[in-house]
Structure formats: structure tokens, C-alpha cells
Amino acid sequence: VSVSLVNNSSSNRVAVDDLSWTCYSGSSARQAQS
């Protein structure tokens, strides 16, 4: 995956910090984990 945050304003100046995401392993791994 490639993750993007796109500002919907052309003039607002917005600071971004502490960006994180969790993994997603899909249905196959869920079966293994079940």
C-alpha cells in the first residue's frame, strides 16, 4: 500500500504529526489466526 494525505485547500497550511497505521493481513491470515 501507498498512503496519501491530500489537502483539499490550496491555501490552508496544515501541520501533520504522529501518522501511523496498523497492518491488515486479509482473510487468508485470519483463517490462520482464527
Full PDB file with SEQRES, HELIX, SHEET, SSBOND, CRYST1, ORIGX, SCALE, CONECT and MASTER records, all heavy atoms in Angstrom:
SEQRES   1 A   34  VAL SER VAL SER LEU VAL ASN ASN SER SER SER ASN ARG          
SEQRES   2 A   34  VAL ALA VAL ASP ASP LEU SER TRP THR CYS TYR SER GLY          
SEQRES   3 A   34  SER SER ALA ARG GLN ALA GLN SER                              
HELIX    1 AA1 GLY A   26  GLN A   33  1                                   8    
CRYST1    1.000    1.000    1.000  90.00  90.00  90.00 P 1           1          
ORIGX1      1.000000  0.000000  0.000000        0.00000                         
ORIGX2      0.000000  1.000000  0.000000        0.00000                         
ORIGX3      0.000000  0.000000  1.000000        0.00000                         
SCALE1      1.000000  0.000000  0.000000        0.00000                         
SCALE2      0.000000  1.000000  0.000000        0.00000                         
SCALE3      0.000000  0.000000  1.000000        0.00000                         
ATOM      1  N   VAL A   1       0.846  -1.200   0.000  1.00  0.00           N  
ATOM      2  CA  VAL A   1       0.000   0.000   0.000  1.00  0.00           C  
ATOM      3  C   VAL A   1       0.876   1.243   0.000  1.00  0.00           C  
ATOM      4  O   VAL A   1       1.960   1.272   0.568  1.00  0.00           O  
ATOM      5  CB  VAL A   1      -0.949   0.047   1.229  1.00  0.00           C  
ATOM      6  CG1 VAL A   1      -1.972  -1.068   1.164  1.00  0.00           C  
ATOM      7  CG2 VAL A   1      -0.169   0.002   2.532  1.00  0.00           C  
ATOM      8  N   SER A   2       0.379   2.282  -0.668  1.00  0.00           N  
ATOM      9  CA  SER A   2       0.933   3.630  -0.596  1.00  0.00           C  
ATOM     10  C   SER A   2      -0.170   4.534  -0.070  1.00  0.00           C  
ATOM     11  O   SER A   2      -1.289   4.536  -0.596  1.00  0.00           O  
ATOM     12  CB  SER A   2       1.401   4.109  -1.969  1.00  0.00           C  
ATOM     13  OG  SER A   2       1.814   5.474  -1.911  1.00  0.00           O  
ATOM     14  N   VAL A   3       0.131   5.285   0.992  1.00  0.00           N  
ATOM     15  CA  VAL A   3      -0.879   6.103   1.671  1.00  0.00           C  
ATOM     16  C   VAL A   3      -0.605   7.580   1.406  1.00  0.00           C  
ATOM     17  O   VAL A   3       0.541   8.028   1.518  1.00  0.00           O  
ATOM     18  CB  VAL A   3      -0.866   5.825   3.187  1.00  0.00           C  
ATOM     19  CG1 VAL A   3      -1.862   6.712   3.908  1.00  0.00           C  
ATOM     20  CG2 VAL A   3      -1.172   4.351   3.453  1.00  0.00           C  
ATOM     21  N   SER A   4      -1.654   8.319   1.054  1.00  0.00           N  
ATOM     22  CA  SER A   4      -1.523   9.757   0.779  1.00  0.00           C  
ATOM     23  C   SER A   4      -2.532  10.550   1.588  1.00  0.00           C  
ATOM     24  O   SER A   4      -3.679  10.121   1.779  1.00  0.00           O  
ATOM     25  CB  SER A   4      -1.751  10.059  -0.714  1.00  0.00           C  
ATOM     26  OG  SER A   4      -0.784   9.448  -1.516  1.00  0.00           O  
ATOM     27  N   LEU A   5      -2.098  11.723   2.062  1.00  0.00           N  
ATOM     28  CA  LEU A   5      -2.986  12.731   2.643  1.00  0.00           C  
ATOM     29  C   LEU A   5      -2.930  13.941   1.733  1.00  0.00           C  
ATOM     30  O   LEU A   5      -1.863  14.530   1.537  1.00  0.00           O  
ATOM     31  CB  LEU A   5      -2.539  13.114   4.056  1.00  0.00           C  
ATOM     32  CG  LEU A   5      -3.089  12.285   5.239  1.00  0.00           C  
ATOM     33  CD1 LEU A   5      -2.603  10.845   5.147  1.00  0.00           C  
ATOM     34  CD2 LEU A   5      -2.650  12.897   6.557  1.00  0.00           C  
ATOM     35  N   VAL A   6      -4.067  14.323   1.171  1.00  0.00           N  
ATOM     36  CA  VAL A   6      -4.126  15.398   0.180  1.00  0.00           C  
ATOM     37  C   VAL A   6      -4.937  16.550   0.741  1.00  0.00           C  
ATOM     38  O   VAL A   6      -6.107  16.379   1.109  1.00  0.00           O  
ATOM     39  CB  VAL A   6      -4.759  14.905  -1.140  1.00  0.00           C  
ATOM     40  CG1 VAL A   6      -4.756  16.021  -2.178  1.00  0.00           C  
ATOM     41  CG2 VAL A   6      -4.023  13.670  -1.658  1.00  0.00           C  
ATOM     42  N   ASN A   7      -4.339  17.735   0.824  1.00  0.00           N  
ATOM     43  CA  ASN A   7      -5.029  18.903   1.356  1.00  0.00           C  
ATOM     44  C   ASN A   7      -6.092  19.373   0.370  1.00  0.00           C  
ATOM     45  O   ASN A   7      -5.805  19.634  -0.805  1.00  0.00           O  
ATOM     46  CB  ASN A   7      -4.024  20.028   1.620  1.00  0.00           C  
ATOM     47  CG  ASN A   7      -4.603  21.117   2.525  1.00  0.00           C  
ATOM     48  OD1 ASN A   7      -5.786  21.100   2.860  1.00  0.00           O  
ATOM     49  ND2 ASN A   7      -3.760  22.048   2.931  1.00  0.00           N  
ATOM     50  N   ASN A   8      -7.345  19.487   0.839  1.00  0.00           N  
ATOM     51  CA  ASN A   8      -8.433  19.941  -0.022  1.00  0.00           C  
ATOM     52  C   ASN A   8      -8.457  21.452  -0.207  1.00  0.00           C  
ATOM     53  O   ASN A   8      -9.273  21.969  -0.961  1.00  0.00           O  
ATOM     54  CB  ASN A   8      -9.787  19.475   0.540  1.00  0.00           C  
ATOM     55  CG  ASN A   8     -10.050  18.014   0.231  1.00  0.00           C  
ATOM     56  OD1 ASN A   8      -9.793  17.551  -0.876  1.00  0.00           O  
ATOM     57  ND2 ASN A   8     -10.545  17.271   1.208  1.00  0.00           N  
ATOM     58  N   SER A   9      -7.579  22.154   0.509  1.00  0.00           N  
ATOM     59  CA  SER A   9      -7.460  23.602   0.353  1.00  0.00           C  
ATOM     60  C   SER A   9      -6.146  23.915  -0.352  1.00  0.00           C  
ATOM     61  O   SER A   9      -5.151  23.203  -0.195  1.00  0.00           O  
ATOM     62  CB  SER A   9      -7.490  24.293   1.720  1.00  0.00           C  
ATOM     63  OG  SER A   9      -7.074  25.637   1.624  1.00  0.00           O  
ATOM     64  N   SER A  10      -6.128  24.995  -1.126  1.00  0.00           N  
ATOM     65  CA  SER A  10      -4.893  25.411  -1.789  1.00  0.00           C  
ATOM     66  C   SER A  10      -4.130  26.445  -0.987  1.00  0.00           C  
ATOM     67  O   SER A  10      -3.017  26.822  -1.353  1.00  0.00           O  
ATOM     68  CB  SER A  10      -5.214  25.982  -3.184  1.00  0.00           C  
ATOM     69  OG  SER A  10      -6.051  27.130  -3.066  1.00  0.00           O  
ATOM     70  N   SER A  11      -4.704  26.880   0.152  1.00  0.00           N  
ATOM     71  CA  SER A  11      -4.060  27.950   0.913  1.00  0.00           C  
ATOM     72  C   SER A  11      -3.886  27.645   2.398  1.00  0.00           C  
ATOM     73  O   SER A  11      -3.004  28.206   3.049  1.00  0.00           O  
ATOM     74  CB  SER A  11      -4.858  29.259   0.765  1.00  0.00           C  
ATOM     75  OG  SER A  11      -6.197  29.083   1.218  1.00  0.00           O  
ATOM     76  N   ASN A  12      -4.721  26.765   2.972  1.00  0.00           N  
ATOM     77  CA  ASN A  12      -4.565  26.417   4.381  1.00  0.00           C  
ATOM     78  C   ASN A  12      -3.233  25.704   4.599  1.00  0.00           C  
ATOM     79  O   ASN A  12      -2.883  24.788   3.862  1.00  0.00           O  
ATOM     80  CB  ASN A  12      -5.703  25.501   4.842  1.00  0.00           C  
ATOM     81  CG  ASN A  12      -7.004  26.240   5.015  1.00  0.00           C  
ATOM     82  OD1 ASN A  12      -7.022  27.460   5.137  1.00  0.00           O  
ATOM     83  ND2 ASN A  12      -8.113  25.511   5.016  1.00  0.00           N  
ATOM     84  N   ARG A  13      -2.521  26.121   5.629  1.00  0.00           N  
ATOM     85  CA  ARG A  13      -1.243  25.498   5.961  1.00  0.00           C  
ATOM     86  C   ARG A  13      -1.446  24.615   7.178  1.00  0.00           C  
ATOM     87  O   ARG A  13      -1.725  25.112   8.278  1.00  0.00           O  
ATOM     88  CB  ARG A  13      -0.204  26.594   6.197  1.00  0.00           C  
ATOM     89  CG  ARG A  13       0.133  27.353   4.908  1.00  0.00           C  
ATOM     90  CD  ARG A  13       0.565  28.774   5.166  1.00  0.00           C  
ATOM     91  NE  ARG A  13      -0.549  29.591   5.639  1.00  0.00           N  
ATOM     92  CZ  ARG A  13      -0.456  30.904   5.884  1.00  0.00           C  
ATOM     93  NH1 ARG A  13       0.704  31.509   5.718  1.00  0.00           N  
ATOM     94  NH2 ARG A  13      -1.508  31.575   6.307  1.00  0.00           N  
ATOM     95  N   VAL A  14      -1.308  23.317   6.984  1.00  0.00           N  
ATOM     96  CA  VAL A  14      -1.714  22.339   7.993  1.00  0.00           C  
ATOM     97  C   VAL A  14      -0.535  21.462   8.370  1.00  0.00           C  
ATOM     98  O   VAL A  14       0.095  20.829   7.522  1.00  0.00           O  
ATOM     99  CB  VAL A  14      -2.871  21.456   7.480  1.00  0.00           C  
ATOM    100  CG1 VAL A  14      -3.356  20.532   8.584  1.00  0.00           C  
ATOM    101  CG2 VAL A  14      -4.009  22.318   6.941  1.00  0.00           C  
ATOM    102  N   ALA A  15      -0.235  21.441   9.673  1.00  0.00           N  
ATOM    103  CA  ALA A  15       0.838  20.587  10.185  1.00  0.00           C  
ATOM    104  C   ALA A  15       0.297  19.182  10.419  1.00  0.00           C  
ATOM    105  O   ALA A  15      -0.814  19.002  10.937  1.00  0.00           O  
ATOM    106  CB  ALA A  15       1.405  21.165  11.472  1.00  0.00           C  
ATOM    107  N   VAL A  16       1.102  18.187  10.066  1.00  0.00           N  
ATOM    108  CA  VAL A  16       0.745  16.776  10.220  1.00  0.00           C  
ATOM    109  C   VAL A  16       1.790  16.119  11.109  1.00  0.00           C  
ATOM    110  O   VAL A  16       2.996  16.289  10.897  1.00  0.00           O  
ATOM    111  CB  VAL A  16       0.690  16.066   8.858  1.00  0.00           C  
ATOM    112  CG1 VAL A  16       0.391  14.573   9.031  1.00  0.00           C  
ATOM    113  CG2 VAL A  16      -0.343  16.723   7.947  1.00  0.00           C  
ATOM    114  N   ASP A  17       1.333  15.356  12.113  1.00  0.00           N  
ATOM    115  CA  ASP A  17       2.261  14.695  13.036  1.00  0.00           C  
ATOM    116  C   ASP A  17       1.694  13.343  13.452  1.00  0.00           C  
ATOM    117  O   ASP A  17       0.490  13.077  13.313  1.00  0.00           O  
ATOM    118  CB  ASP A  17       2.477  15.583  14.263  1.00  0.00           C  
ATOM    119  CG  ASP A  17       3.780  15.255  15.000  1.00  0.00           C  
ATOM    120  OD1 ASP A  17       4.464  14.310  14.592  1.00  0.00           O  
ATOM    121  OD2 ASP A  17       4.091  15.958  15.972  1.00  0.00           O  
ATOM    122  N   ASP A  18       2.580  12.488  13.970  1.00  0.00           N  
ATOM    123  CA  ASP A  18       2.199  11.199  14.562  1.00  0.00           C  
ATOM    124  C   ASP A  18       1.241  10.410  13.669  1.00  0.00           C  
ATOM    125  O   ASP A  18       0.134  10.053  14.058  1.00  0.00           O  
ATOM    126  CB  ASP A  18       1.570  11.417  15.945  1.00  0.00           C  
ATOM    127  CG  ASP A  18       2.560  11.991  16.938  1.00  0.00           C  
ATOM    128  OD1 ASP A  18       3.766  11.750  16.765  1.00  0.00           O  
ATOM    129  OD2 ASP A  18       2.132  12.695  17.876  1.00  0.00           O  
ATOM    130  N   LEU A  19       1.704  10.137  12.458  1.00  0.00           N  
ATOM    131  CA  LEU A  19       0.932   9.360  11.492  1.00  0.00           C  
ATOM    132  C   LEU A  19       1.302   7.889  11.618  1.00  0.00           C  
ATOM    133  O   LEU A  19       2.475   7.516  11.543  1.00  0.00           O  
ATOM    134  CB  LEU A  19       1.234   9.855  10.074  1.00  0.00           C  
ATOM    135  CG  LEU A  19       0.686   9.027   8.899  1.00  0.00           C  
ATOM    136  CD1 LEU A  19      -0.835   8.978   8.941  1.00  0.00           C  
ATOM    137  CD2 LEU A  19       1.170   9.598   7.580  1.00  0.00           C  
ATOM    138  N   SER A  20       0.300   7.042  11.828  1.00  0.00           N  
ATOM    139  CA  SER A  20       0.566   5.606  11.948  1.00  0.00           C  
ATOM    140  C   SER A  20      -0.594   4.826  11.354  1.00  0.00           C  
ATOM    141  O   SER A  20      -1.709   5.331  11.235  1.00  0.00           O  
ATOM    142  CB  SER A  20       0.755   5.217  13.420  1.00  0.00           C  
ATOM    143  OG  SER A  20      -0.430   5.444  14.161  1.00  0.00           O  
ATOM    144  N   TRP A  21      -0.300   3.600  10.950  1.00  0.00           N  
ATOM    145  CA  TRP A  21      -1.388   2.695  10.575  1.00  0.00           C  
ATOM    146  C   TRP A  21      -1.047   1.275  10.972  1.00  0.00           C  
ATOM    147  O   TRP A  21       0.110   0.914  11.111  1.00  0.00           O  
ATOM    148  CB  TRP A  21      -1.720   2.796   9.089  1.00  0.00           C  
ATOM    149  CG  TRP A  21      -0.695   2.335   8.097  1.00  0.00           C  
ATOM    150  CD1 TRP A  21      -0.403   1.070   7.720  1.00  0.00           C  
ATOM    151  CD2 TRP A  21       0.171   3.185   7.305  1.00  0.00           C  
ATOM    152  NE1 TRP A  21       0.579   1.053   6.763  1.00  0.00           N  
ATOM    153  CE2 TRP A  21       0.946   2.335   6.476  1.00  0.00           C  
ATOM    154  CE3 TRP A  21       0.356   4.563   7.217  1.00  0.00           C  
ATOM    155  CZ2 TRP A  21       1.892   2.832   5.586  1.00  0.00           C  
ATOM    156  CZ3 TRP A  21       1.296   5.052   6.331  1.00  0.00           C  
ATOM    157  CH2 TRP A  21       2.055   4.198   5.527  1.00  0.00           C  
ATOM    158  N   THR A  22      -2.099   0.496  11.186  1.00  0.00           N  
ATOM    159  CA  THR A  22      -1.935  -0.910  11.553  1.00  0.00           C  
ATOM    160  C   THR A  22      -1.913  -1.767  10.298  1.00  0.00           C  
ATOM    161  O   THR A  22      -2.411  -1.375   9.244  1.00  0.00           O  
ATOM    162  CB  THR A  22      -3.080  -1.380  12.463  1.00  0.00           C  
ATOM    163  OG1 THR A  22      -4.327  -1.216  11.774  1.00  0.00           O  
ATOM    164  CG2 THR A  22      -3.115  -0.589  13.764  1.00  0.00           C  
ATOM    165  N   CYS A  23      -1.321  -2.939  10.419  1.00  0.00           N  
ATOM    166  CA  CYS A  23      -1.291  -3.877   9.304  1.00  0.00           C  
ATOM    167  C   CYS A  23      -2.687  -4.457   9.071  1.00  0.00           C  
ATOM    168  O   CYS A  23      -3.533  -4.469   9.963  1.00  0.00           O  
ATOM    169  CB  CYS A  23      -0.330  -5.025   9.599  1.00  0.00           C  
ATOM    170  SG  CYS A  23       1.365  -4.540   9.960  1.00  0.00           S  
ATOM    171  N   TYR A  24      -2.908  -4.937   7.868  1.00  0.00           N  
ATOM    172  CA  TYR A  24      -4.117  -5.711   7.582  1.00  0.00           C  
ATOM    173  C   TYR A  24      -3.693  -6.934   6.812  1.00  0.00           C  
ATOM    174  O   TYR A  24      -3.084  -6.840   5.742  1.00  0.00           O  
ATOM    175  CB  TYR A  24      -5.127  -4.911   6.770  1.00  0.00           C  
ATOM    176  CG  TYR A  24      -6.376  -5.713   6.449  1.00  0.00           C  
ATOM    177  CD1 TYR A  24      -7.303  -5.985   7.446  1.00  0.00           C  
ATOM    178  CD2 TYR A  24      -6.609  -6.220   5.178  1.00  0.00           C  
ATOM    179  CE1 TYR A  24      -8.441  -6.734   7.186  1.00  0.00           C  
ATOM    180  CE2 TYR A  24      -7.744  -6.964   4.899  1.00  0.00           C  
ATOM    181  CZ  TYR A  24      -8.656  -7.216   5.902  1.00  0.00           C  
ATOM    182  OH  TYR A  24      -9.771  -7.964   5.654  1.00  0.00           O  
ATOM    183  N   SER A  25      -3.995  -8.103   7.371  1.00  0.00           N  
ATOM    184  CA  SER A  25      -3.434  -9.327   6.808  1.00  0.00           C  
ATOM    185  C   SER A  25      -4.385 -10.076   5.895  1.00  0.00           C  
ATOM    186  O   SER A  25      -4.015 -11.060   5.285  1.00  0.00           O  
ATOM    187  CB  SER A  25      -2.977 -10.251   7.940  1.00  0.00           C  
ATOM    188  OG  SER A  25      -3.991 -10.379   8.903  1.00  0.00           O  
ATOM    189  N   GLY A  26      -5.628  -9.637   5.773  1.00  0.00           N  
ATOM    190  CA  GLY A  26      -6.539 -10.267   4.841  1.00  0.00           C  
ATOM    191  C   GLY A  26      -7.157 -11.547   5.351  1.00  0.00           C  
ATOM    192  O   GLY A  26      -6.812 -12.068   6.393  1.00  0.00           O  
ATOM    193  N   SER A  27      -8.082 -12.092   4.565  1.00  0.00           N  
ATOM    194  CA  SER A  27      -8.866 -13.238   5.016  1.00  0.00           C  
ATOM    195  C   SER A  27      -8.036 -14.494   5.178  1.00  0.00           C  
ATOM    196  O   SER A  27      -8.305 -15.313   6.044  1.00  0.00           O  
ATOM    197  CB  SER A  27     -10.006 -13.502   4.020  1.00  0.00           C  
ATOM    198  OG  SER A  27      -9.476 -13.757   2.722  1.00  0.00           O  
ATOM    199  N   SER A  28      -6.983 -14.691   4.360  1.00  0.00           N  
ATOM    200  CA  SER A  28      -6.186 -15.910   4.463  1.00  0.00           C  
ATOM    201  C   SER A  28      -5.511 -16.016   5.811  1.00  0.00           C  
ATOM    202  O   SER A  28      -5.526 -17.051   6.459  1.00  0.00           O  
ATOM    203  CB  SER A  28      -5.140 -15.944   3.347  1.00  0.00           C  
ATOM    204  OG  SER A  28      -5.760 -16.009   2.087  1.00  0.00           O  
ATOM    205  N   ALA A  29      -4.884 -14.908   6.222  1.00  0.00           N  
ATOM    206  CA  ALA A  29      -4.213 -14.936   7.509  1.00  0.00           C  
ATOM    207  C   ALA A  29      -5.209 -15.000   8.654  1.00  0.00           C  
ATOM    208  O   ALA A  29      -4.916 -15.553   9.695  1.00  0.00           O  
ATOM    209  CB  ALA A  29      -3.328 -13.717   7.667  1.00  0.00           C  
ATOM    210  N   ARG A  30      -6.393 -14.418   8.452  1.00  0.00           N  
ATOM    211  CA  ARG A  30      -7.410 -14.517   9.504  1.00  0.00           C  
ATOM    212  C   ARG A  30      -7.765 -15.972   9.763  1.00  0.00           C  
ATOM    213  O   ARG A  30      -8.019 -16.386  10.881  1.00  0.00           O  
ATOM    214  CB  ARG A  30      -8.661 -13.726   9.128  1.00  0.00           C  
ATOM    215  CG  ARG A  30      -8.526 -12.228   9.357  1.00  0.00           C  
ATOM    216  CD  ARG A  30      -9.870 -11.576   9.558  1.00  0.00           C  
ATOM    217  NE  ARG A  30     -10.796 -11.852   8.486  1.00  0.00           N  
ATOM    218  CZ  ARG A  30     -10.855 -11.146   7.355  1.00  0.00           C  
ATOM    219  NH1 ARG A  30     -10.007 -10.177   7.141  1.00  0.00           N  
ATOM    220  NH2 ARG A  30     -11.739 -11.439   6.437  1.00  0.00           N  
ATOM    221  N   GLN A  31      -7.800 -16.775   8.689  1.00  0.00           N  
ATOM    222  CA  GLN A  31      -8.087 -18.184   8.883  1.00  0.00           C  
ATOM    223  C   GLN A  31      -6.987 -18.849   9.694  1.00  0.00           C  
ATOM    224  O   GLN A  31      -7.242 -19.677  10.558  1.00  0.00           O  
ATOM    225  CB  GLN A  31      -8.225 -18.861   7.515  1.00  0.00           C  
ATOM    226  CG  GLN A  31      -9.451 -18.394   6.751  1.00  0.00           C  
ATOM    227  CD  GLN A  31      -9.463 -18.920   5.326  1.00  0.00           C  
ATOM    228  OE1 GLN A  31      -8.576 -19.645   4.914  1.00  0.00           O  
ATOM    229  NE2 GLN A  31     -10.487 -18.528   4.576  1.00  0.00           N  
ATOM    230  N   ALA A  32      -5.741 -18.440   9.412  1.00  0.00           N  
ATOM    231  CA  ALA A  32      -4.636 -18.999  10.180  1.00  0.00           C  
ATOM    232  C   ALA A  32      -4.692 -18.549  11.622  1.00  0.00           C  
ATOM    233  O   ALA A  32      -4.329 -19.294  12.531  1.00  0.00           O  
ATOM    234  CB  ALA A  32      -3.300 -18.576   9.560  1.00  0.00           C  
ATOM    235  N   GLN A  33      -5.168 -17.302  11.843  1.00  0.00           N  
ATOM    236  CA  GLN A  33      -5.215 -16.762  13.193  1.00  0.00           C  
ATOM    237  C   GLN A  33      -6.449 -17.219  13.960  1.00  0.00           C  
ATOM    238  O   GLN A  33      -6.484 -17.171  15.187  1.00  0.00           O  
ATOM    239  CB  GLN A  33      -5.221 -15.230  13.147  1.00  0.00           C  
ATOM    240  CG  GLN A  33      -3.945 -14.655  12.564  1.00  0.00           C  
ATOM    241  CD  GLN A  33      -4.155 -13.268  12.026  1.00  0.00           C  
ATOM    242  OE1 GLN A  33      -5.207 -12.666  12.224  1.00  0.00           O  
ATOM    243  NE2 GLN A  33      -3.163 -12.751  11.338  1.00  0.00           N  
ATOM    244  N   SER A  34      -7.481 -17.665  13.243  1.00  0.00           N  
ATOM    245  CA  SER A  34      -8.732 -17.956  13.917  1.00  0.00           C  
ATOM    246  C   SER A  34      -8.583 -19.049  14.956  1.00  0.00           C  
ATOM    247  O   SER A  34      -9.267 -19.052  15.973  1.00  0.00           O  
ATOM    248  CB  SER A  34      -9.807 -18.358  12.889  1.00  0.00           C  
ATOM    249  OG  SER A  34      -9.430 -19.563  12.239  1.00  0.00           O  
TER     250      SER A  34                                                      
MASTER        0    0    0    1    0    0    0    6  249    1    0    3          
END                                                                             
